[in-house]
Amino acid sequence: MADAALRTRALSLYRSLMRSSRTWPGPPKEKQYIYEEAYILFRRNQHLNDPDEIAKKIDEGEKRYQIAWHYKIPYPRVHNLPLGAFIEKPETEYQIPSQEMGSLDDDLDDLPGLSKSRRCKILQ
């Protein structure tokens, strides 16, 4: 049952993102970015089997989708430290949450069906 529910959530998110790539109120470059980002990330994660990992990826996608529509900015949100938060030696290295989940990796070589010219176009 959990697998069917995750599949439904994933397909719903994918459809929402594809619809957004057509109806986005911004310039065509942003529409293309939404399409390519959704395509790449869903292809990269299509072979995941762990339900917890799948749920985490879907939650990240839903949050990015909601933030994008709220602020009308399709790009990942940059997290800044507040003013005066300079630390001499941090206990742990600060990372952007979407990077922790691996959604901003530029490794496109393992994606099936993505031609070399398409990879070059996406990375530019």
PDB file of N, CA and C in Angstrom:
ATOM      1  N   MET A   1       0.819  -1.197   0.000  1.00  0.00           N
ATOM      2  CA  MET A   1       0.000   0.000   0.000  1.00  0.00           C
ATOM      3  C   MET A   1       0.860   1.258   0.000  1.00  0.00           C
ATOM      4  N   ALA A   2       1.933   1.226   0.780  1.00  0.00           N
ATOM      5  CA  ALA A   2       2.802   2.405   0.860  1.00  0.00           C
ATOM      6  C   ALA A   2       3.448   2.694  -0.484  1.00  0.00           C
ATOM      7  N   ASP A   3       3.810   1.637  -1.209  1.00  0.00           N
ATOM      8  CA  ASP A   3       4.437   1.838  -2.506  1.00  0.00           C
ATOM      9  C   ASP A   3       3.475   2.508  -3.485  1.00  0.00           C
ATOM     10  N   ALA A   4       2.211   2.098  -3.459  1.00  0.00           N
ATOM     11  CA  ALA A   4       1.215   2.706  -4.346  1.00  0.00           C
ATOM     12  C   ALA A   4       0.986   4.172  -3.981  1.00  0.00           C
ATOM     13  N   ALA A   5       0.984   4.466  -2.694  1.00  0.00           N
ATOM     14  CA  ALA A   5       0.783   5.851  -2.259  1.00  0.00           C
ATOM     15  C   ALA A   5       1.967   6.726  -2.666  1.00  0.00           C
ATOM     16  N   LEU A   6       3.185   6.197  -2.525  1.00  0.00           N
ATOM     17  CA  LEU A   6       4.370   6.959  -2.939  1.00  0.00           C
ATOM     18  C   LEU A   6       4.380   7.172  -4.443  1.00  0.00           C
ATOM     19  N   ARG A   7       3.992   6.144  -5.182  1.00  0.00           N
ATOM     20  CA  ARG A   7       3.943   6.266  -6.644  1.00  0.00           C
ATOM     21  C   ARG A   7       2.936   7.341  -7.055  1.00  0.00           C
ATOM     22  N   THR A   8       1.787   7.356  -6.400  1.00  0.00           N
ATOM     23  CA  THR A   8       0.763   8.359  -6.695  1.00  0.00           C
ATOM     24  C   THR A   8       1.271   9.765  -6.395  1.00  0.00           C
ATOM     25  N   ARG A   9       1.941   9.924  -5.243  1.00  0.00           N
ATOM     26  CA  ARG A   9       2.494  11.243  -4.882  1.00  0.00           C
ATOM     27  C   ARG A   9       3.558  11.684  -5.880  1.00  0.00           C
ATOM     28  N   ALA A  10       4.420  10.742  -6.281  1.00  0.00           N
ATOM     29  CA  ALA A  10       5.495  11.077  -7.220  1.00  0.00           C
ATOM     30  C   ALA A  10       4.922  11.484  -8.576  1.00  0.00           C
ATOM     31  N   LEU A  11       3.963  10.722  -9.071  1.00  0.00           N
ATOM     32  CA  LEU A  11       3.360  11.056 -10.365  1.00  0.00           C
ATOM     33  C   LEU A  11       2.598  12.375 -10.302  1.00  0.00           C
ATOM     34  N   SER A  12       1.927  12.626  -9.198  1.00  0.00           N
ATOM     35  CA  SER A  12       1.210  13.888  -9.031  1.00  0.00           C
ATOM     36  C   SER A  12       2.180  15.067  -9.036  1.00  0.00           C
ATOM     37  N   LEU A  13       3.298  14.917  -8.323  1.00  0.00           N
ATOM     38  CA  LEU A  13       4.312  15.972  -8.295  1.00  0.00           C
ATOM     39  C   LEU A  13       4.896  16.187  -9.688  1.00  0.00           C
ATOM     40  N   TYR A  14       5.194  15.099 -10.396  1.00  0.00           N
ATOM     41  CA  TYR A  14       5.766  15.212 -11.737  1.00  0.00           C
ATOM     42  C   TYR A  14       4.797  15.933 -12.677  1.00  0.00           C
ATOM     43  N   ARG A  15       3.526  15.555 -12.623  1.00  0.00           N
ATOM     44  CA  ARG A  15       2.528  16.227 -13.465  1.00  0.00           C
ATOM     45  C   ARG A  15       2.422  17.712 -13.125  1.00  0.00           C
ATOM     46  N   SER A  16       2.456  18.032 -11.844  1.00  0.00           N
ATOM     47  CA  SER A  16       2.391  19.438 -11.426  1.00  0.00           C
ATOM     48  C   SER A  16       3.588  20.222 -11.955  1.00  0.00           C
ATOM     49  N   LEU A  17       4.761  19.613 -11.894  1.00  0.00           N
ATOM     50  CA  LEU A  17       5.964  20.292 -12.385  1.00  0.00           C
ATOM     51  C   LEU A  17       5.922  20.473 -13.900  1.00  0.00           C
ATOM     52  N   MET A  18       5.453  19.462 -14.619  1.00  0.00           N
ATOM     53  CA  MET A  18       5.357  19.584 -16.075  1.00  0.00           C
ATOM     54  C   MET A  18       4.323  20.651 -16.453  1.00  0.00           C
ATOM     55  N   ARG A  19       3.230  20.694 -15.726  1.00  0.00           N
ATOM     56  CA  ARG A  19       2.217  21.724 -15.964  1.00  0.00           C
ATOM     57  C   ARG A  19       2.797  23.109 -15.672  1.00  0.00           C
ATOM     58  N   SER A  20       3.590  23.204 -14.610  1.00  0.00           N
ATOM     59  CA  SER A  20       4.222  24.480 -14.257  1.00  0.00           C
ATOM     60  C   SER A  20       5.195  24.930 -15.331  1.00  0.00           C
ATOM     61  N   SER A  21       5.868  23.969 -15.962  1.00  0.00           N
ATOM     62  CA  SER A  21       6.821  24.349 -17.008  1.00  0.00           C
ATOM     63  C   SER A  21       6.108  24.961 -18.216  1.00  0.00           C
ATOM     64  N   ARG A  22       4.824  24.668 -18.375  1.00  0.00           N
ATOM     65  CA  ARG A  22       4.058  25.271 -19.473  1.00  0.00           C
ATOM     66  C   ARG A  22       3.364  26.564 -19.061  1.00  0.00           C
ATOM     67  N   THR A  23       2.952  26.665 -17.792  1.00  0.00           N
ATOM     68  CA  THR A  23       2.131  27.803 -17.364  1.00  0.00           C
ATOM     69  C   THR A  23       2.888  28.805 -16.501  1.00  0.00           C
ATOM     70  N   TRP A  24       4.181  28.648 -16.351  1.00  0.00           N
ATOM     71  CA  TRP A  24       4.969  29.537 -15.491  1.00  0.00           C
ATOM     72  C   TRP A  24       4.866  30.975 -15.992  1.00  0.00           C
ATOM     73  N   PRO A  25       4.642  31.963 -15.099  1.00  0.00           N
ATOM     74  CA  PRO A  25       4.461  33.354 -15.529  1.00  0.00           C
ATOM     75  C   PRO A  25       5.756  34.068 -15.902  1.00  0.00           C
ATOM     76  N   GLY A  26       6.879  33.419 -15.783  1.00  0.00           N
ATOM     77  CA  GLY A  26       8.165  34.053 -16.067  1.00  0.00           C
ATOM     78  C   GLY A  26       8.598  33.866 -17.511  1.00  0.00           C
ATOM     79  N   PRO A  27       9.849  34.242 -17.798  1.00  0.00           N
ATOM     80  CA  PRO A  27      10.379  34.122 -19.158  1.00  0.00           C
ATOM     81  C   PRO A  27      10.572  32.660 -19.571  1.00  0.00           C
ATOM     82  N   PRO A  28      10.698  32.414 -20.877  1.00  0.00           N
ATOM     83  CA  PRO A  28      10.867  31.043 -21.385  1.00  0.00           C
ATOM     84  C   PRO A  28      12.081  30.315 -20.801  1.00  0.00           C
ATOM     85  N   LYS A  29      13.119  31.066 -20.452  1.00  0.00           N
ATOM     86  CA  LYS A  29      14.309  30.440 -19.871  1.00  0.00           C
ATOM     87  C   LYS A  29      13.965  29.762 -18.542  1.00  0.00           C
ATOM     88  N   GLU A  30      13.116  30.377 -17.737  1.00  0.00           N
ATOM     89  CA  GLU A  30      12.695  29.779 -16.469  1.00  0.00           C
ATOM     90  C   GLU A  30      11.798  28.568 -16.704  1.00  0.00           C
ATOM     91  N   LYS A  31      10.930  28.639 -17.712  1.00  0.00           N
ATOM     92  CA  LYS A  31      10.082  27.496 -18.044  1.00  0.00           C
ATOM     93  C   LYS A  31      10.935  26.298 -18.448  1.00  0.00           C
ATOM     94  N   GLN A  32      11.957  26.560 -19.255  1.00  0.00           N
ATOM     95  CA  GLN A  32      12.861  25.494 -19.684  1.00  0.00           C
ATOM     96  C   GLN A  32      13.613  24.916 -18.488  1.00  0.00           C
ATOM     97  N   TYR A  33      14.024  25.772 -17.564  1.00  0.00           N
ATOM     98  CA  TYR A  33      14.731  25.313 -16.365  1.00  0.00           C
ATOM     99  C   TYR A  33      13.842  24.375 -15.543  1.00  0.00           C
ATOM    100  N   ILE A  34      12.583  24.738 -15.357  1.00  0.00           N
ATOM    101  CA  ILE A  34      11.662  23.905 -14.580  1.00  0.00           C
ATOM    102  C   ILE A  34      11.511  22.541 -15.234  1.00  0.00           C
ATOM    103  N   TYR A  35      11.336  22.535 -16.545  1.00  0.00           N
ATOM    104  CA  TYR A  35      11.172  21.273 -17.272  1.00  0.00           C
ATOM    105  C   TYR A  35      12.406  20.390 -17.124  1.00  0.00           C
ATOM    106  N   GLU A  36      13.578  20.960 -17.385  1.00  0.00           N
ATOM    107  CA  GLU A  36      14.813  20.176 -17.352  1.00  0.00           C
ATOM    108  C   GLU A  36      15.150  19.703 -15.945  1.00  0.00           C
ATOM    109  N   GLU A  37      14.946  20.551 -14.952  1.00  0.00           N
ATOM    110  CA  GLU A  37      15.241  20.173 -13.564  1.00  0.00           C
ATOM    111  C   GLU A  37      14.349  19.005 -13.138  1.00  0.00           C
ATOM    112  N   ALA A  38      13.063  19.081 -13.445  1.00  0.00           N
ATOM    113  CA  ALA A  38      12.146  17.996 -13.085  1.00  0.00           C
ATOM    114  C   ALA A  38      12.522  16.716 -13.823  1.00  0.00           C
ATOM    115  N   TYR A  39      12.785  16.829 -15.110  1.00  0.00           N
ATOM    116  CA  TYR A  39      13.133  15.659 -15.916  1.00  0.00           C
ATOM    117  C   TYR A  39      14.386  14.978 -15.377  1.00  0.00           C
ATOM    118  N   ILE A  40      15.425  15.765 -15.135  1.00  0.00           N
ATOM    119  CA  ILE A  40      16.702  15.210 -14.679  1.00  0.00           C
ATOM    120  C   ILE A  40      16.565  14.557 -13.308  1.00  0.00           C
ATOM    121  N   LEU A  41      15.940  15.250 -12.361  1.00  0.00           N
ATOM    122  CA  LEU A  41      15.855  14.709 -11.003  1.00  0.00           C
ATOM    123  C   LEU A  41      14.963  13.470 -10.930  1.00  0.00           C
ATOM    124  N   PHE A  42      13.874  13.448 -11.680  1.00  0.00           N
ATOM    125  CA  PHE A  42      13.029  12.259 -11.661  1.00  0.00           C
ATOM    126  C   PHE A  42      13.728  11.086 -12.337  1.00  0.00           C
ATOM    127  N   ARG A  43      14.454  11.338 -13.423  1.00  0.00           N
ATOM    128  CA  ARG A  43      15.212  10.259 -14.074  1.00  0.00           C
ATOM    129  C   ARG A  43      16.317   9.740 -13.171  1.00  0.00           C
ATOM    130  N   ARG A  44      16.994  10.632 -12.488  1.00  0.00           N
ATOM    131  CA  ARG A  44      18.098  10.239 -11.613  1.00  0.00           C
ATOM    132  C   ARG A  44      17.598   9.374 -10.453  1.00  0.00           C
ATOM    133  N   ASN A  45      16.394   9.640  -9.982  1.00  0.00           N
ATOM    134  CA  ASN A  45      15.884   8.944  -8.800  1.00  0.00           C
ATOM    135  C   ASN A  45      14.863   7.855  -9.109  1.00  0.00           C
ATOM    136  N   GLN A  46      14.693   7.504 -10.365  1.00  0.00           N
ATOM    137  CA  GLN A  46      13.664   6.530 -10.717  1.00  0.00           C
ATOM    138  C   GLN A  46      13.965   5.116 -10.218  1.00  0.00           C
ATOM    139  N   HIS A  47      15.204   4.824  -9.893  1.00  0.00           N
ATOM    140  CA  HIS A  47      15.571   3.478  -9.462  1.00  0.00           C
ATOM    141  C   HIS A  47      15.674   3.339  -7.945  1.00  0.00           C
ATOM    142  N   LEU A  48      15.227   4.322  -7.193  1.00  0.00           N
ATOM    143  CA  LEU A  48      15.253   4.220  -5.732  1.00  0.00           C
ATOM    144  C   LEU A  48      14.249   3.166  -5.267  1.00  0.00           C
ATOM    145  N   ASN A  49      14.634   2.399  -4.259  1.00  0.00           N
ATOM    146  CA  ASN A  49      13.758   1.351  -3.735  1.00  0.00           C
ATOM    147  C   ASN A  49      13.346   1.575  -2.286  1.00  0.00           C
ATOM    148  N   ASP A  50      14.111   2.350  -1.550  1.00  0.00           N
ATOM    149  CA  ASP A  50      13.842   2.577  -0.132  1.00  0.00           C
ATOM    150  C   ASP A  50      12.676   3.558   0.024  1.00  0.00           C
ATOM    151  N   PRO A  51      11.565   3.132   0.632  1.00  0.00           N
ATOM    152  CA  PRO A  51      10.397   4.019   0.776  1.00  0.00           C
ATOM    153  C   PRO A  51      10.698   5.310   1.538  1.00  0.00           C
ATOM    154  N   ASP A  52      11.583   5.239   2.541  1.00  0.00           N
ATOM    155  CA  ASP A  52      11.919   6.451   3.294  1.00  0.00           C
ATOM    156  C   ASP A  52      12.665   7.448   2.418  1.00  0.00           C
ATOM    157  N   GLU A  53      13.595   6.948   1.618  1.00  0.00           N
ATOM    158  CA  GLU A  53      14.363   7.816   0.720  1.00  0.00           C
ATOM    159  C   GLU A  53      13.452   8.421  -0.353  1.00  0.00           C
ATOM    160  N   ILE A  54      12.549   7.616  -0.880  1.00  0.00           N
ATOM    161  CA  ILE A  54      11.604   8.107  -1.887  1.00  0.00           C
ATOM    162  C   ILE A  54      10.719   9.198  -1.286  1.00  0.00           C
ATOM    163  N   ALA A  55      10.219   8.960  -0.078  1.00  0.00           N
ATOM    164  CA  ALA A  55       9.365   9.955   0.587  1.00  0.00           C
ATOM    165  C   ALA A  55      10.132  11.247   0.832  1.00  0.00           C
ATOM    166  N   LYS A  56      11.410  11.139   1.191  1.00  0.00           N
ATOM    167  CA  LYS A  56      12.234  12.323   1.435  1.00  0.00           C
ATOM    168  C   LYS A  56      12.404  13.132   0.146  1.00  0.00           C
ATOM    169  N   LYS A  57      12.640  12.443  -0.971  1.00  0.00           N
ATOM    170  CA  LYS A  57      12.796  13.133  -2.257  1.00  0.00           C
ATOM    171  C   LYS A  57      11.490  13.803  -2.680  1.00  0.00           C
ATOM    172  N   ILE A  58      10.374  13.125  -2.480  1.00  0.00           N
ATOM    173  CA  ILE A  58       9.077  13.705  -2.839  1.00  0.00           C
ATOM    174  C   ILE A  58       8.789  14.928  -1.978  1.00  0.00           C
ATOM    175  N   ASP A  59       9.068  14.834  -0.684  1.00  0.00           N
ATOM    176  CA  ASP A  59       8.863  15.984   0.209  1.00  0.00           C
ATOM    177  C   ASP A  59       9.706  17.175  -0.230  1.00  0.00           C
ATOM    178  N   GLU A  60      10.964  16.912  -0.601  1.00  0.00           N
ATOM    179  CA  GLU A  60      11.836  17.994  -1.076  1.00  0.00           C
ATOM    180  C   GLU A  60      11.250  18.632  -2.333  1.00  0.00           C
ATOM    181  N   GLY A  61      10.775  17.797  -3.265  1.00  0.00           N
ATOM    182  CA  GLY A  61      10.189  18.318  -4.495  1.00  0.00           C
ATOM    183  C   GLY A  61       8.942  19.145  -4.243  1.00  0.00           C
ATOM    184  N   GLU A  62       8.094  18.672  -3.348  1.00  0.00           N
ATOM    185  CA  GLU A  62       6.876  19.420  -3.026  1.00  0.00           C
ATOM    186  C   GLU A  62       7.198  20.759  -2.369  1.00  0.00           C
ATOM    187  N   LYS A  63       8.199  20.777  -1.489  1.00  0.00           N
ATOM    188  CA  LYS A  63       8.597  22.037  -0.851  1.00  0.00           C
ATOM    189  C   LYS A  63       9.156  23.013  -1.875  1.00  0.00           C
ATOM    190  N   ARG A  64      10.014  22.525  -2.771  1.00  0.00           N
ATOM    191  CA  ARG A  64      10.575  23.401  -3.802  1.00  0.00           C
ATOM    192  C   ARG A  64       9.476  23.939  -4.711  1.00  0.00           C
ATOM    193  N   TYR A  65       8.497  23.096  -5.030  1.00  0.00           N
ATOM    194  CA  TYR A  65       7.379  23.509  -5.873  1.00  0.00           C
ATOM    195  C   TYR A  65       6.579  24.626  -5.194  1.00  0.00           C
ATOM    196  N   GLN A  66       6.253  24.451  -3.927  1.00  0.00           N
ATOM    197  CA  GLN A  66       5.476  25.456  -3.197  1.00  0.00           C
ATOM    198  C   GLN A  66       6.243  26.763  -3.040  1.00  0.00           C
ATOM    199  N   ILE A  67       7.522  26.678  -2.729  1.00  0.00           N
ATOM    200  CA  ILE A  67       8.341  27.888  -2.587  1.00  0.00           C
ATOM    201  C   ILE A  67       8.454  28.609  -3.923  1.00  0.00           C
ATOM    202  N   ALA A  68       8.634  27.847  -5.003  1.00  0.00           N
ATOM    203  CA  ALA A  68       8.759  28.458  -6.330  1.00  0.00           C
ATOM    204  C   ALA A  68       7.499  29.242  -6.691  1.00  0.00           C
ATOM    205  N   TRP A  69       6.335  28.660  -6.461  1.00  0.00           N
ATOM    206  CA  TRP A  69       5.102  29.358  -6.810  1.00  0.00           C
ATOM    207  C   TRP A  69       4.813  30.522  -5.863  1.00  0.00           C
ATOM    208  N   HIS A  70       5.190  30.387  -4.609  1.00  0.00           N
ATOM    209  CA  HIS A  70       4.935  31.470  -3.661  1.00  0.00           C
ATOM    210  C   HIS A  70       5.771  32.703  -3.994  1.00  0.00           C
ATOM    211  N   TYR A  71       7.062  32.492  -4.233  1.00  0.00           N
ATOM    212  CA  TYR A  71       7.963  33.613  -4.486  1.00  0.00           C
ATOM    213  C   TYR A  71       8.147  33.914  -5.976  1.00  0.00           C
ATOM    214  N   LYS A  72       7.591  33.081  -6.840  1.00  0.00           N
ATOM    215  CA  LYS A  72       7.730  33.212  -8.300  1.00  0.00           C
ATOM    216  C   LYS A  72       9.199  33.147  -8.729  1.00  0.00           C
ATOM    217  N   ILE A  73       9.941  32.270  -8.054  1.00  0.00           N
ATOM    218  CA  ILE A  73      11.349  32.037  -8.376  1.00  0.00           C
ATOM    219  C   ILE A  73      11.529  30.522  -8.506  1.00  0.00           C
ATOM    220  N   PRO A  74      11.819  30.014  -9.707  1.00  0.00           N
ATOM    221  CA  PRO A  74      11.895  28.561  -9.884  1.00  0.00           C
ATOM    222  C   PRO A  74      13.192  27.926  -9.390  1.00  0.00           C
ATOM    223  N   TYR A  75      14.182  28.730  -9.075  1.00  0.00           N
ATOM    224  CA  TYR A  75      15.489  28.193  -8.705  1.00  0.00           C
ATOM    225  C   TYR A  75      15.500  27.793  -7.232  1.00  0.00           C
ATOM    226  N   PRO A  76      16.394  26.871  -6.846  1.00  0.00           N
ATOM    227  CA  PRO A  76      16.441  26.450  -5.438  1.00  0.00           C
ATOM    228  C   PRO A  76      16.706  27.623  -4.513  1.00  0.00           C
ATOM    229  N   ARG A  77      16.094  27.571  -3.366  1.00  0.00           N
ATOM    230  CA  ARG A  77      16.231  28.648  -2.392  1.00  0.00           C
ATOM    231  C   ARG A  77      17.621  28.614  -1.772  1.00  0.00           C
ATOM    232  N   VAL A  78      18.250  29.768  -1.714  1.00  0.00           N
ATOM    233  CA  VAL A  78      19.560  29.890  -1.098  1.00  0.00           C
ATOM    234  C   VAL A  78      19.350  30.237   0.372  1.00  0.00           C
ATOM    235  N   HIS A  79      19.991  29.500   1.236  1.00  0.00           N
ATOM    236  CA  HIS A  79      19.873  29.736   2.672  1.00  0.00           C
ATOM    237  C   HIS A  79      21.084  30.525   3.137  1.00  0.00           C
ATOM    238  N   ASN A  80      20.839  31.678   3.710  1.00  0.00           N
ATOM    239  CA  ASN A  80      21.909  32.525   4.223  1.00  0.00           C
ATOM    240  C   ASN A  80      21.918  32.485   5.742  1.00  0.00           C
ATOM    241  N   LEU A  81      23.085  32.738   6.285  1.00  0.00           N
ATOM    242  CA  LEU A  81      23.190  32.868   7.734  1.00  0.00           C
ATOM    243  C   LEU A  81      22.714  34.261   8.125  1.00  0.00           C
ATOM    244  N   PRO A  82      22.078  34.422   9.268  1.00  0.00           N
ATOM    245  CA  PRO A  82      21.626  35.748   9.695  1.00  0.00           C
ATOM    246  C   PRO A  82      22.807  36.665  10.003  1.00  0.00           C
ATOM    247  N   LEU A  83      22.544  37.980   9.992  1.00  0.00           N
ATOM    248  CA  LEU A  83      23.589  38.950  10.295  1.00  0.00           C
ATOM    249  C   LEU A  83      24.180  38.690  11.674  1.00  0.00           C
ATOM    250  N   GLY A  84      25.482  38.844  11.769  1.00  0.00           N
ATOM    251  CA  GLY A  84      26.159  38.667  13.046  1.00  0.00           C
ATOM    252  C   GLY A  84      26.318  37.220  13.462  1.00  0.00           C
ATOM    253  N   ALA A  85      26.114  36.295  12.552  1.00  0.00           N
ATOM    254  CA  ALA A  85      26.204  34.877  12.894  1.00  0.00           C
ATOM    255  C   ALA A  85      27.550  34.288  12.498  1.00  0.00           C
ATOM    256  N   PHE A  86      28.584  35.106  12.484  1.00  0.00           N
ATOM    257  CA  PHE A  86      29.906  34.605  12.138  1.00  0.00           C
ATOM    258  C   PHE A  86      30.445  33.771  13.290  1.00  0.00           C
ATOM    259  N   ILE A  87      30.868  32.601  12.982  1.00  0.00           N
ATOM    260  CA  ILE A  87      31.367  31.676  13.990  1.00  0.00           C
ATOM    261  C   ILE A  87      32.841  31.426  13.699  1.00  0.00           C
ATOM    262  N   GLU A  88      33.658  31.456  14.731  1.00  0.00           N
ATOM    263  CA  GLU A  88      35.097  31.233  14.555  1.00  0.00           C
ATOM    264  C   GLU A  88      35.361  29.889  13.884  1.00  0.00           C
ATOM    265  N   LYS A  89      34.835  28.833  14.465  1.00  0.00           N
ATOM    266  CA  LYS A  89      35.055  27.498  13.929  1.00  0.00           C
ATOM    267  C   LYS A  89      33.744  26.718  14.074  1.00  0.00           C
ATOM    268  N   PRO A  90      33.014  26.555  12.982  1.00  0.00           N
ATOM    269  CA  PRO A  90      31.730  25.863  13.098  1.00  0.00           C
ATOM    270  C   PRO A  90      31.923  24.390  13.466  1.00  0.00           C
ATOM    271  N   GLU A  91      30.970  23.880  14.238  1.00  0.00           N
ATOM    272  CA  GLU A  91      31.039  22.474  14.626  1.00  0.00           C
ATOM    273  C   GLU A  91      30.804  21.570  13.429  1.00  0.00           C
ATOM    274  N   THR A  92      29.877  21.944  12.579  1.00  0.00           N
ATOM    275  CA  THR A  92      29.634  21.188  11.359  1.00  0.00           C
ATOM    276  C   THR A  92      29.606  22.162  10.198  1.00  0.00           C
ATOM    277  N   GLU A  93      29.943  21.666   9.045  1.00  0.00           N
ATOM    278  CA  GLU A  93      29.951  22.520   7.858  1.00  0.00           C
ATOM    279  C   GLU A  93      28.515  22.807   7.435  1.00  0.00           C
ATOM    280  N   TYR A  94      28.224  24.078   7.163  1.00  0.00           N
ATOM    281  CA  TYR A  94      26.881  24.486   6.763  1.00  0.00           C
ATOM    282  C   TYR A  94      26.639  24.059   5.323  1.00  0.00           C
ATOM    283  N   GLN A  95      25.513  23.385   5.075  1.00  0.00           N
ATOM    284  CA  GLN A  95      25.160  22.957   3.730  1.00  0.00           C
ATOM    285  C   GLN A  95      23.723  23.358   3.428  1.00  0.00           C
ATOM    286  N   ILE A  96      23.480  23.650   2.167  1.00  0.00           N
ATOM    287  CA  ILE A  96      22.125  23.944   1.726  1.00  0.00           C
ATOM    288  C   ILE A  96      21.335  22.639   1.779  1.00  0.00           C
ATOM    289  N   PRO A  97      20.118  22.633   2.326  1.00  0.00           N
ATOM    290  CA  PRO A  97      19.360  21.386   2.470  1.00  0.00           C
ATOM    291  C   PRO A  97      19.179  20.608   1.178  1.00  0.00           C
ATOM    292  N   SER A  98      18.946  21.269   0.045  1.00  0.00           N
ATOM    293  CA  SER A  98      18.754  20.526  -1.189  1.00  0.00           C
ATOM    294  C   SER A  98      20.046  19.861  -1.640  1.00  0.00           C
ATOM    295  N   GLN A  99      21.211  20.399  -1.248  1.00  0.00           N
ATOM    296  CA  GLN A  99      22.464  19.741  -1.583  1.00  0.00           C
ATOM    297  C   GLN A  99      22.671  18.507  -0.718  1.00  0.00           C
ATOM    298  N   GLU A 100      22.174  18.541   0.510  1.00  0.00           N
ATOM    299  CA  GLU A 100      22.293  17.377   1.372  1.00  0.00           C
ATOM    300  C   GLU A 100      21.536  16.198   0.784  1.00  0.00           C
ATOM    301  N   MET A 101      20.446  16.483   0.093  1.00  0.00           N
ATOM    302  CA  MET A 101      19.655  15.416  -0.498  1.00  0.00           C
ATOM    303  C   MET A 101      20.171  15.020  -1.874  1.00  0.00           C
ATOM    304  N   GLY A 102      21.149  15.755  -2.387  1.00  0.00           N
ATOM    305  CA  GLY A 102      21.765  15.377  -3.647  1.00  0.00           C
ATOM    306  C   GLY A 102      21.027  15.839  -4.879  1.00  0.00           C
ATOM    307  N   SER A 103      20.142  16.799  -4.768  1.00  0.00           N
ATOM    308  CA  SER A 103      19.378  17.205  -5.941  1.00  0.00           C
ATOM    309  C   SER A 103      20.118  18.198  -6.820  1.00  0.00           C
ATOM    310  N   LEU A 104      21.237  18.719  -6.380  1.00  0.00           N
ATOM    311  CA  LEU A 104      21.954  19.695  -7.186  1.00  0.00           C
ATOM    312  C   LEU A 104      23.248  19.137  -7.769  1.00  0.00           C
ATOM    313  N   ASP A 105      23.423  17.822  -7.773  1.00  0.00           N
ATOM    314  CA  ASP A 105      24.619  17.227  -8.355  1.00  0.00           C
ATOM    315  C   ASP A 105      24.600  17.427  -9.863  1.00  0.00           C
ATOM    316  N   ASP A 106      25.772  17.638 -10.433  1.00  0.00           N
ATOM    317  CA  ASP A 106      25.875  17.832 -11.878  1.00  0.00           C
ATOM    318  C   ASP A 106      26.264  16.552 -12.601  1.00  0.00           C
ATOM    319  N   ASP A 107      26.140  15.401 -11.965  1.00  0.00           N
ATOM    320  CA  ASP A 107      26.519  14.140 -12.569  1.00  0.00           C
ATOM    321  C   ASP A 107      25.362  13.634 -13.427  1.00  0.00           C
ATOM    322  N   LEU A 108      25.435  13.885 -14.735  1.00  0.00           N
ATOM    323  CA  LEU A 108      24.359  13.503 -15.645  1.00  0.00           C
ATOM    324  C   LEU A 108      24.721  12.288 -16.480  1.00  0.00           C
ATOM    325  N   ASP A 109      25.927  11.734 -16.296  1.00  0.00           N
ATOM    326  CA  ASP A 109      26.380  10.638 -17.138  1.00  0.00           C
ATOM    327  C   ASP A 109      25.583   9.359 -16.928  1.00  0.00           C
ATOM    328  N   ASP A 110      25.009   9.165 -15.758  1.00  0.00           N
ATOM    329  CA  ASP A 110      24.314   7.919 -15.464  1.00  0.00           C
ATOM    330  C   ASP A 110      22.832   7.953 -15.847  1.00  0.00           C
ATOM    331  N   LEU A 111      22.390   9.012 -16.501  1.00  0.00           N
ATOM    332  CA  LEU A 111      20.983   9.099 -16.893  1.00  0.00           C
ATOM    333  C   LEU A 111      20.764   8.407 -18.232  1.00  0.00           C
ATOM    334  N   PRO A 112      19.895   7.387 -18.285  1.00  0.00           N
ATOM    335  CA  PRO A 112      19.620   6.738 -19.555  1.00  0.00           C
ATOM    336  C   PRO A 112      18.765   7.642 -20.437  1.00  0.00           C
ATOM    337  N   GLY A 113      19.018   7.611 -21.719  1.00  0.00           N
ATOM    338  CA  GLY A 113      18.202   8.361 -22.662  1.00  0.00           C
ATOM    339  C   GLY A 113      18.530   9.829 -22.773  1.00  0.00           C
ATOM    340  N   LEU A 114      19.607  10.281 -22.159  1.00  0.00           N
ATOM    341  CA  LEU A 114      19.985  11.684 -22.225  1.00  0.00           C
ATOM    342  C   LEU A 114      21.222  11.784 -23.105  1.00  0.00           C
ATOM    343  N   SER A 115      21.060  12.333 -24.307  1.00  0.00           N
ATOM    344  CA  SER A 115      22.164  12.388 -25.257  1.00  0.00           C
ATOM    345  C   SER A 115      23.248  13.345 -24.784  1.00  0.00           C
ATOM    346  N   LYS A 116      24.432  13.197 -25.381  1.00  0.00           N
ATOM    347  CA  LYS A 116      25.564  14.023 -24.985  1.00  0.00           C
ATOM    348  C   LYS A 116      25.280  15.497 -25.273  1.00  0.00           C
ATOM    349  N   SER A 117      24.656  15.800 -26.405  1.00  0.00           N
ATOM    350  CA  SER A 117      24.353  17.193 -26.731  1.00  0.00           C
ATOM    351  C   SER A 117      23.333  17.772 -25.750  1.00  0.00           C
ATOM    352  N   ARG A 118      22.392  16.948 -25.307  1.00  0.00           N
ATOM    353  CA  ARG A 118      21.387  17.402 -24.334  1.00  0.00           C
ATOM    354  C   ARG A 118      22.048  17.684 -22.984  1.00  0.00           C
ATOM    355  N   ARG A 119      23.019  16.807 -22.586  1.00  0.00           N
ATOM    356  CA  ARG A 119      23.742  17.034 -21.333  1.00  0.00           C
ATOM    357  C   ARG A 119      24.482  18.361 -21.385  1.00  0.00           C
ATOM    358  N   CYS A 120      25.154  18.630 -22.505  1.00  0.00           N
ATOM    359  CA  CYS A 120      25.913  19.874 -22.649  1.00  0.00           C
ATOM    360  C   CYS A 120      24.977  21.073 -22.576  1.00  0.00           C
ATOM    361  N   LYS A 121      23.817  20.965 -23.221  1.00  0.00           N
ATOM    362  CA  LYS A 121      22.854  22.064 -23.219  1.00  0.00           C
ATOM    363  C   LYS A 121      22.324  22.317 -21.811  1.00  0.00           C
ATOM    364  N   ILE A 122      22.081  21.243 -21.062  1.00  0.00           N
ATOM    365  CA  ILE A 122      21.550  21.382 -19.710  1.00  0.00           C
ATOM    366  C   ILE A 122      22.571  22.025 -18.788  1.00  0.00           C
ATOM    367  N   LEU A 123      23.840  21.660 -18.936  1.00  0.00           N
ATOM    368  CA  LEU A 123      24.874  22.171 -18.044  1.00  0.00           C
ATOM    369  C   LEU A 123      25.277  23.606 -18.353  1.00  0.00           C
ATOM    370  N   GLN A 124      24.881  24.137 -19.504  1.00  0.00           N
ATOM    371  CA  GLN A 124      25.266  25.508 -19.865  1.00  0.00           C
ATOM    372  C   GLN A 124      24.401  26.517 -19.182  1.00  0.00           C
TER     373      GLN A 124
END
